[in-house]
Amino acid sequence: MTTTATAVESGGRVNVLAGMRLKKNVELVGGSPEIVALQQELERLARSDAKVLITGESGVGKEIVARSIHAQSSRAHHLFAPVNCAGLPETLLESELFGHVKGSFTGAYRDKPGKMETAHLGTVFLDEVGEMTLRMQGLLLRFLETGELQKVGADGGTRHVNVRIIAATNRDLRQLVSQGTFREDLFYRLNVIHIIVPPLRDRRQDIPALVNQFLLQFAGANGTSMLTVSPDAMNELMAYSWPGNVRELENAIERLVVTQQSGTIDCEHLPQEIRNSGSARAVAPKRERRKTVADDLYKRITETGESFWDSAYPMFMEREITRANIRDLIVLGLRETRGSYKILIRIFNMAPRDYKRFLNFLRKHDCHVPFKDYR
């Protein structure tokens, strides 16, 4: 999973049109192990019509992942219809999804089909699905169960449509379910296949490829010559934590292209917060770790007596957490054990005979952390 958050055309130009139909138009940018694994997984997913739930921080490229699934599927020659569930009030969102009939509300001067109808045989992408009201969740659940469209203001005459649903959110839907603000039955309907897109700070090696892609994109859009990036400036870009993820990187490169227009981007051309990232680098990981998935798992394992195999392992195998989360969990443990994996086995509530199995698991999934750093 990676810096991949950008779709590119085979000729190198970015194409993110809502009606994108041709498979060759969408690629995921990056060569890290995470992005390669994601590309392979998306190829497999494209061969089915299973519902997909994509989660990750804001700006990581969840919509690009959804477009990639659609573009590689048998539905690629039909419509990809994105809907921002957080950007519309409930009544307008209902009309946007299911359509309305003339006179059903103020301003409804004509019959209008919804995205579910216009995307028949295609894909509907529900972005920020966690922001839906409970009533809208009920309407969506009914559609998922029956495939029937019930237009706003219509008395009958429902129509069946065939669309693939891909949903995305930066919220923790399980937590919303426990809080009573998201329907549990809808969660399980949407969560057939779960894709987690990691933040850009966990896939820094893809940053140069993304930077070059954005430089090419914005040079073409602004009619300027192609800029280059000095090694020092690239190091600063790779060191920065990118709280806004790929979207923030894209915006930063666009500003540089517009203001610089020609020549080489050096450190002094970068925004102040990026140039200052070096001094904050040492404290940033500690600040981030306070609220990570790894911290929750570590507390769950060490305080409740739950085994690693019963907590973190199944979540990882079901793709609810990433290899970066597992590495962070191991780091927390090695700090406690001063680099001893044998003691780590004990505090993770595993039997001594699990030592080799545990290390093999970590190496197989590229989650192993060098113990010498913690001695």
Protein backbone atom coordinates (compact mmCIF):
# COMPACT_ATOMS: atom_id res chain seq x y z
CA MET A 1 0.00 0.00 0.00
CA THR A 2 1.56 3.12 -0.99
CA THR A 3 2.00 6.42 -2.34
CA THR A 4 -0.04 4.94 -4.94
CA ALA A 5 -2.70 7.40 -4.43
CA THR A 6 -2.57 8.64 -7.96
CA ALA A 7 -4.09 7.40 -11.12
CA VAL A 8 -2.06 7.77 -14.27
CA GLU A 9 -2.81 7.28 -17.93
CA SER A 10 -0.62 5.00 -20.04
CA GLY A 11 0.88 8.09 -21.69
CA GLY A 12 1.86 9.49 -18.27
CA ARG A 13 -0.94 12.04 -17.88
CA VAL A 14 -3.22 11.94 -14.88
CA ASN A 15 -6.83 10.96 -15.51
CA VAL A 16 -9.26 10.95 -12.61
CA LEU A 17 -12.52 11.52 -14.48
CA ALA A 18 -15.59 10.18 -12.71
CA GLY A 19 -16.64 8.27 -15.81
CA MET A 20 -13.30 6.58 -16.39
CA ARG A 21 -13.96 3.41 -18.34
CA LEU A 22 -10.74 2.06 -19.88
CA LYS A 23 -8.61 -0.35 -17.88
CA LYS A 24 -5.28 1.02 -19.14
CA ASN A 25 -6.05 4.46 -17.72
CA VAL A 26 -5.50 3.61 -14.05
CA GLU A 27 -2.28 2.61 -12.34
CA LEU A 28 -0.99 2.78 -8.80
CA VAL A 29 2.27 4.70 -8.53
CA GLY A 30 5.11 3.24 -6.46
CA GLY A 31 7.39 0.24 -6.14
CA SER A 32 7.45 -0.46 -2.40
CA PRO A 33 6.53 -3.93 -1.11
CA GLU A 34 3.28 -2.44 0.18
CA ILE A 35 2.23 -1.06 -3.19
CA VAL A 36 3.24 -4.20 -5.06
CA ALA A 37 1.19 -6.30 -2.64
CA LEU A 38 -1.73 -3.90 -3.00
CA GLN A 39 -1.58 -4.05 -6.81
CA GLN A 40 -1.65 -7.84 -6.71
CA GLU A 41 -4.56 -7.85 -4.30
CA LEU A 42 -6.56 -5.39 -6.40
CA GLU A 43 -6.05 -7.56 -9.47
CA ARG A 44 -7.59 -10.48 -7.59
CA LEU A 45 -10.45 -8.36 -6.27
CA ALA A 46 -11.24 -7.04 -9.75
CA ARG A 47 -12.18 -10.55 -10.88
CA SER A 48 -15.11 -10.68 -8.44
CA ASP A 49 -18.12 -8.53 -7.66
CA ALA A 50 -17.65 -8.69 -3.89
CA LYS A 51 -18.27 -5.53 -1.90
CA VAL A 52 -15.09 -3.79 -0.72
CA LEU A 53 -14.51 -1.55 2.30
CA ILE A 54 -11.44 0.69 1.98
CA THR A 55 -10.11 2.36 5.12
CA GLY A 56 -7.22 4.69 5.80
CA GLU A 57 -6.40 8.23 6.84
CA SER A 58 -7.68 11.19 4.88
CA GLY A 59 -5.67 11.80 1.71
CA VAL A 60 -4.08 8.37 1.34
CA GLY A 61 -5.79 7.64 -1.98
CA LYS A 62 -8.82 5.52 -1.14
CA GLU A 63 -10.73 6.68 -4.21
CA ILE A 64 -7.79 5.82 -6.47
CA VAL A 65 -7.80 2.29 -5.03
CA ALA A 66 -11.53 2.07 -5.78
CA ARG A 67 -10.99 3.34 -9.33
CA SER A 68 -8.24 0.79 -9.85
CA ILE A 69 -10.53 -2.07 -8.84
CA HIS A 70 -13.20 -0.82 -11.23
CA ALA A 71 -10.75 -0.22 -14.11
CA GLN A 72 -9.41 -3.78 -13.93
CA SER A 73 -12.84 -5.40 -13.63
CA SER A 74 -15.38 -6.62 -16.18
CA ARG A 75 -17.36 -3.47 -15.33
CA ALA A 76 -14.62 -1.14 -16.63
CA HIS A 77 -16.58 -0.14 -19.74
CA HIS A 78 -19.49 1.06 -17.59
CA LEU A 79 -19.74 4.03 -15.24
CA PHE A 80 -17.67 4.56 -12.10
CA ALA A 81 -19.89 6.79 -9.96
CA PRO A 82 -18.35 8.40 -6.85
CA VAL A 83 -20.64 9.81 -4.15
CA ASN A 84 -19.36 11.92 -1.24
CA CYS A 85 -21.60 10.84 1.63
CA ALA A 86 -20.25 13.63 3.86
CA GLY A 87 -20.77 16.40 1.34
CA LEU A 88 -24.57 16.35 1.07
CA PRO A 89 -27.42 16.69 3.59
CA GLU A 90 -29.55 13.59 4.11
CA THR A 91 -32.38 14.49 1.70
CA LEU A 92 -30.04 15.41 -1.13
CA LEU A 93 -27.87 12.34 -0.53
CA GLU A 94 -30.95 10.12 -0.80
CA SER A 95 -31.82 11.74 -4.13
CA GLU A 96 -28.21 11.53 -5.31
CA LEU A 97 -28.10 7.80 -4.65
CA PHE A 98 -31.60 6.65 -5.55
CA GLY A 99 -33.04 9.48 -7.68
CA HIS A 100 -36.32 11.36 -7.29
CA VAL A 101 -39.57 12.01 -9.14
CA LYS A 102 -40.85 15.40 -10.19
CA GLY A 103 -42.50 17.35 -7.37
CA SER A 104 -41.14 15.14 -4.58
CA PHE A 105 -39.55 18.14 -2.85
CA THR A 106 -38.93 21.85 -3.45
CA GLY A 107 -36.73 22.20 -6.50
CA ALA A 108 -37.57 18.78 -7.96
CA TYR A 109 -38.73 20.14 -11.31
CA ARG A 110 -38.19 16.91 -13.20
CA ASP A 111 -37.58 13.22 -12.67
CA LYS A 112 -33.93 12.53 -11.97
CA PRO A 113 -32.12 9.16 -11.89
CA GLY A 114 -29.73 8.51 -9.01
CA LYS A 115 -26.17 7.19 -9.16
CA MET A 116 -27.36 3.64 -8.43
CA GLU A 117 -29.44 3.76 -11.63
CA THR A 118 -27.02 5.58 -13.94
CA ALA A 119 -24.18 3.25 -12.86
CA HIS A 120 -26.15 0.10 -13.76
CA LEU A 121 -23.58 -2.63 -14.59
CA GLY A 122 -20.85 -0.33 -13.27
CA THR A 123 -19.48 0.63 -9.84
CA VAL A 124 -20.74 3.05 -7.18
CA PHE A 125 -18.10 4.39 -4.80
CA LEU A 126 -19.47 5.57 -1.44
CA ASP A 127 -16.81 7.86 -0.02
CA GLU A 128 -16.95 8.71 3.72
CA VAL A 129 -19.71 6.17 4.27
CA GLY A 130 -19.23 6.53 8.03
CA GLU A 131 -20.82 9.99 7.87
CA MET A 132 -24.23 8.67 6.78
CA THR A 133 -27.19 9.22 9.11
CA LEU A 134 -28.86 6.15 10.59
CA ARG A 135 -31.86 6.66 8.32
CA MET A 136 -29.67 6.74 5.21
CA GLN A 137 -27.85 3.66 6.48
CA GLY A 138 -31.20 1.87 6.63
CA LEU A 139 -32.05 2.88 3.06
CA LEU A 140 -28.64 1.74 1.83
CA LEU A 141 -28.97 -1.57 3.69
CA ARG A 142 -32.34 -2.22 2.06
CA PHE A 143 -30.86 -1.57 -1.38
CA LEU A 144 -27.91 -3.88 -0.70
CA GLU A 145 -30.30 -6.64 0.37
CA THR A 146 -32.77 -6.33 -2.51
CA GLY A 147 -31.10 -4.40 -5.33
CA GLU A 148 -34.35 -2.42 -5.66
CA LEU A 149 -34.39 1.33 -6.26
CA GLN A 150 -36.94 3.36 -4.35
CA LYS A 151 -36.85 6.89 -5.72
CA VAL A 152 -37.68 9.83 -3.47
CA GLY A 153 -41.40 10.61 -3.86
CA ALA A 154 -42.20 7.48 -5.86
CA ASP A 155 -45.22 5.40 -4.80
CA GLY A 156 -44.11 2.23 -6.54
CA GLY A 157 -42.56 0.94 -9.73
CA THR A 158 -39.25 -0.08 -8.19
CA ARG A 159 -36.46 -1.17 -10.51
CA HIS A 160 -33.69 -3.67 -9.94
CA VAL A 161 -30.17 -2.57 -10.83
CA ASN A 162 -26.81 -4.33 -10.88
CA VAL A 163 -23.99 -2.26 -9.42
CA ARG A 164 -20.86 -3.11 -7.48
CA ILE A 165 -20.56 -1.20 -4.20
CA ILE A 166 -17.17 -0.02 -2.95
CA ALA A 167 -17.21 2.04 0.26
CA ALA A 168 -14.49 4.04 1.99
CA THR A 169 -14.02 5.86 5.28
CA ASN A 170 -11.32 7.33 7.48
CA ARG A 171 -13.42 6.49 10.55
CA ASP A 172 -13.25 3.33 12.68
CA LEU A 173 -16.60 1.74 11.79
CA ARG A 174 -16.30 -0.88 14.54
CA GLN A 175 -16.04 1.90 17.08
CA LEU A 176 -19.01 3.68 15.50
CA VAL A 177 -20.99 0.44 15.75
CA SER A 178 -20.15 0.17 19.46
CA GLN A 179 -21.24 3.80 19.91
CA GLY A 180 -24.55 3.11 18.18
CA THR A 181 -23.95 5.57 15.33
CA PHE A 182 -23.36 2.98 12.60
CA ARG A 183 -25.52 -0.05 11.94
CA GLU A 184 -23.82 -3.34 12.65
CA ASP A 185 -25.77 -5.16 9.92
CA LEU A 186 -24.69 -2.55 7.34
CA PHE A 187 -21.08 -2.82 8.49
CA TYR A 188 -21.04 -6.55 7.81
CA ARG A 189 -22.76 -6.02 4.46
CA LEU A 190 -20.05 -3.60 3.36
CA ASN A 191 -17.08 -5.32 4.99
CA VAL A 192 -16.92 -8.36 2.70
CA ILE A 193 -13.34 -7.53 1.68
CA HIS A 194 -11.36 -5.01 3.72
CA ILE A 195 -8.51 -2.98 2.20
CA ILE A 196 -6.34 -0.79 4.44
CA VAL A 197 -4.35 1.95 2.72
CA PRO A 198 -1.41 2.90 4.97
CA PRO A 199 -0.40 6.52 5.53
CA LEU A 200 2.36 7.99 3.38
CA ARG A 201 4.79 8.07 6.34
CA ASP A 202 4.71 4.24 6.35
CA ARG A 203 5.65 4.00 2.66
CA ARG A 204 8.23 6.73 2.23
CA GLN A 205 10.20 4.95 -0.48
CA ASP A 206 7.36 5.67 -2.91
CA ILE A 207 7.68 9.44 -2.42
CA PRO A 208 10.23 10.00 -5.25
CA ALA A 209 7.95 8.24 -7.75
CA LEU A 210 4.98 10.30 -6.62
CA VAL A 211 6.97 13.53 -6.73
CA ASN A 212 8.05 12.83 -10.31
CA GLN A 213 4.50 11.93 -11.30
CA PHE A 214 3.10 15.16 -9.83
CA LEU A 215 5.88 17.24 -11.42
CA LEU A 216 4.98 15.77 -14.80
CA GLN A 217 1.27 16.25 -14.20
CA PHE A 218 1.44 19.90 -13.17
CA ALA A 219 4.10 20.88 -15.71
CA GLY A 220 1.73 19.67 -18.42
CA ALA A 221 -1.29 21.37 -16.85
CA ASN A 222 0.50 24.72 -16.45
CA GLY A 223 2.50 24.62 -19.69
CA THR A 224 5.84 24.91 -17.85
CA SER A 225 9.07 23.00 -18.26
CA MET A 226 9.69 19.89 -16.20
CA LEU A 227 11.34 20.67 -12.85
CA THR A 228 13.96 18.53 -11.16
CA VAL A 229 14.44 17.99 -7.43
CA SER A 230 17.85 18.15 -5.78
CA PRO A 231 18.95 15.16 -3.66
CA ASP A 232 18.85 17.28 -0.48
CA ALA A 233 15.33 18.49 -1.21
CA MET A 234 14.19 14.94 -1.96
CA ASN A 235 15.64 13.82 1.38
CA GLU A 236 13.61 16.53 3.11
CA LEU A 237 10.47 15.44 1.27
CA MET A 238 11.06 11.85 2.35
CA ALA A 239 11.76 12.84 5.96
CA TYR A 240 8.57 14.86 6.41
CA SER A 241 5.69 13.00 8.10
CA TRP A 242 2.98 14.15 5.62
CA PRO A 243 -0.03 14.33 7.97
CA GLY A 244 -2.20 15.11 4.94
CA ASN A 245 -0.73 12.11 3.10
CA VAL A 246 -0.63 11.95 -0.71
CA ARG A 247 -3.08 14.82 -1.09
CA GLU A 248 -0.77 17.09 0.90
CA LEU A 249 2.22 16.00 -1.21
CA GLU A 250 0.28 16.68 -4.41
CA ASN A 251 -0.65 20.17 -3.23
CA ALA A 252 2.94 20.92 -2.21
CA ILE A 253 4.29 19.90 -5.62
CA GLU A 254 1.63 21.94 -7.42
CA ARG A 255 2.65 25.05 -5.44
CA LEU A 256 6.30 24.46 -6.33
CA VAL A 257 5.53 24.06 -10.03
CA VAL A 258 3.45 27.24 -10.10
CA THR A 259 5.95 29.37 -8.14
CA GLN A 260 9.20 27.87 -9.46
CA GLN A 261 8.22 27.17 -13.09
CA SER A 262 11.74 26.15 -14.19
CA GLY A 263 15.04 24.86 -12.88
CA THR A 264 15.75 22.72 -9.83
CA ILE A 265 13.77 22.54 -6.59
CA ASP A 266 16.17 22.88 -3.68
CA CYS A 267 15.66 22.89 0.08
CA GLU A 268 15.09 26.64 0.29
CA HIS A 269 12.15 26.32 -2.11
CA LEU A 270 10.30 23.87 0.12
CA PRO A 271 7.57 25.02 2.55
CA GLN A 272 8.81 25.92 6.02
CA GLU A 273 7.10 22.99 7.74
CA ILE A 274 8.89 20.52 5.46
CA ARG A 275 12.31 22.18 5.95
CA ASN A 276 11.78 22.05 9.73
CA SER A 277 10.85 18.37 9.70
CA GLY A 278 14.41 17.30 10.48
CA SER A 279 14.40 18.88 13.94
CA ALA A 280 11.02 17.32 14.76
CA ARG A 281 11.92 13.91 13.39
CA ALA A 282 13.18 12.48 16.65
CA VAL A 283 10.08 13.32 18.68
CA ALA A 284 7.41 12.75 16.04
CA PRO A 285 7.31 8.93 16.20
CA LYS A 286 6.91 9.01 19.98
CA ARG A 287 4.05 11.47 19.67
CA GLU A 288 2.34 9.37 16.98
CA ARG A 289 2.74 6.09 18.88
CA ARG A 290 0.55 7.25 21.75
CA LYS A 291 -2.58 6.70 19.71
CA THR A 292 -1.65 3.94 17.29
CA VAL A 293 -3.29 0.60 16.70
CA ALA A 294 -0.11 -1.00 18.09
CA ASP A 295 -0.56 0.70 21.45
CA ASP A 296 -4.12 -0.61 21.73
CA LEU A 297 -3.00 -4.12 20.80
CA TYR A 298 -0.04 -4.01 23.19
CA LYS A 299 -2.28 -2.98 26.06
CA ARG A 300 -4.82 -5.63 25.13
CA ILE A 301 -2.17 -8.36 25.10
CA THR A 302 -0.15 -7.38 28.16
CA GLU A 303 -3.01 -6.33 30.44
CA THR A 304 -5.70 -8.90 29.60
CA GLY A 305 -3.47 -11.92 29.07
CA GLU A 306 -4.66 -12.41 25.50
CA SER A 307 -2.19 -14.20 23.22
CA PHE A 308 -0.65 -12.62 20.13
CA TRP A 309 -2.16 -15.50 18.13
CA ASP A 310 -5.66 -14.65 19.37
CA SER A 311 -5.47 -10.88 18.96
CA ALA A 312 -3.00 -9.35 16.49
CA TYR A 313 -2.51 -12.41 14.27
CA PRO A 314 -6.14 -12.88 13.10
CA MET A 315 -6.56 -9.13 12.58
CA PHE A 316 -3.47 -9.10 10.36
CA MET A 317 -4.52 -12.17 8.37
CA GLU A 318 -7.97 -10.61 7.80
CA ARG A 319 -6.26 -7.36 6.68
CA GLU A 320 -7.78 -5.31 9.49
CA ILE A 321 -4.27 -4.13 10.41
CA THR A 322 -1.12 -3.72 8.32
CA ARG A 323 2.43 -5.04 8.55
CA ALA A 324 3.41 -1.57 9.78
CA ASN A 325 1.04 -2.07 12.75
CA ILE A 326 2.67 -5.43 13.51
CA ARG A 327 6.15 -3.89 13.33
CA ASP A 328 5.07 -1.12 15.72
CA LEU A 329 3.72 -3.76 18.10
CA ILE A 330 7.03 -5.65 17.98
CA VAL A 331 8.96 -2.43 18.63
CA LEU A 332 6.89 -1.78 21.76
CA GLY A 333 7.63 -5.29 22.96
CA LEU A 334 11.37 -5.14 22.20
CA ARG A 335 11.67 -1.89 24.11
CA GLU A 336 10.20 -3.64 27.11
CA THR A 337 12.39 -6.74 26.75
CA ARG A 338 15.53 -4.81 25.74
CA GLY A 339 15.71 -6.62 22.42
CA SER A 340 14.97 -10.17 23.59
CA TYR A 341 12.57 -12.05 21.33
CA LYS A 342 12.48 -14.98 23.78
CA ILE A 343 11.16 -12.72 26.54
CA LEU A 344 8.84 -11.11 24.00
CA ILE A 345 7.26 -14.53 23.43
CA ARG A 346 6.44 -14.66 27.12
CA ILE A 347 4.97 -11.15 27.46
CA PHE A 348 2.90 -11.78 24.31
CA ASN A 349 1.45 -14.80 26.13
CA MET A 350 2.79 -17.44 23.73
CA ALA A 351 4.20 -20.83 24.62
CA PRO A 352 8.01 -21.28 24.42
CA ARG A 353 7.51 -23.78 21.57
CA ASP A 354 6.01 -20.91 19.50
CA TYR A 355 9.38 -19.13 19.26
CA LYS A 356 10.30 -20.40 15.79
CA ARG A 357 6.75 -20.15 14.51
CA PHE A 358 6.59 -16.52 15.63
CA LEU A 359 9.91 -15.56 14.01
CA ASN A 360 8.95 -17.37 10.79
CA PHE A 361 5.68 -15.45 10.71
CA LEU A 362 7.49 -12.13 11.13
CA ARG A 363 10.04 -12.88 8.41
CA LYS A 364 7.47 -14.25 5.98
CA HIS A 365 5.37 -11.09 6.21
CA ASP A 366 8.32 -8.64 6.40
CA CYS A 367 7.46 -7.67 9.98
CA HIS A 368 10.74 -8.61 11.63
CA VAL A 369 12.46 -5.84 13.62
CA PRO A 370 16.26 -5.99 14.34
CA PHE A 371 16.72 -6.68 18.05
CA LYS A 372 20.13 -4.95 18.28
CA ASP A 373 18.53 -1.51 18.14
CA TYR A 374 16.96 -2.16 21.55
CA ARG A 375 19.86 -3.76 23.43
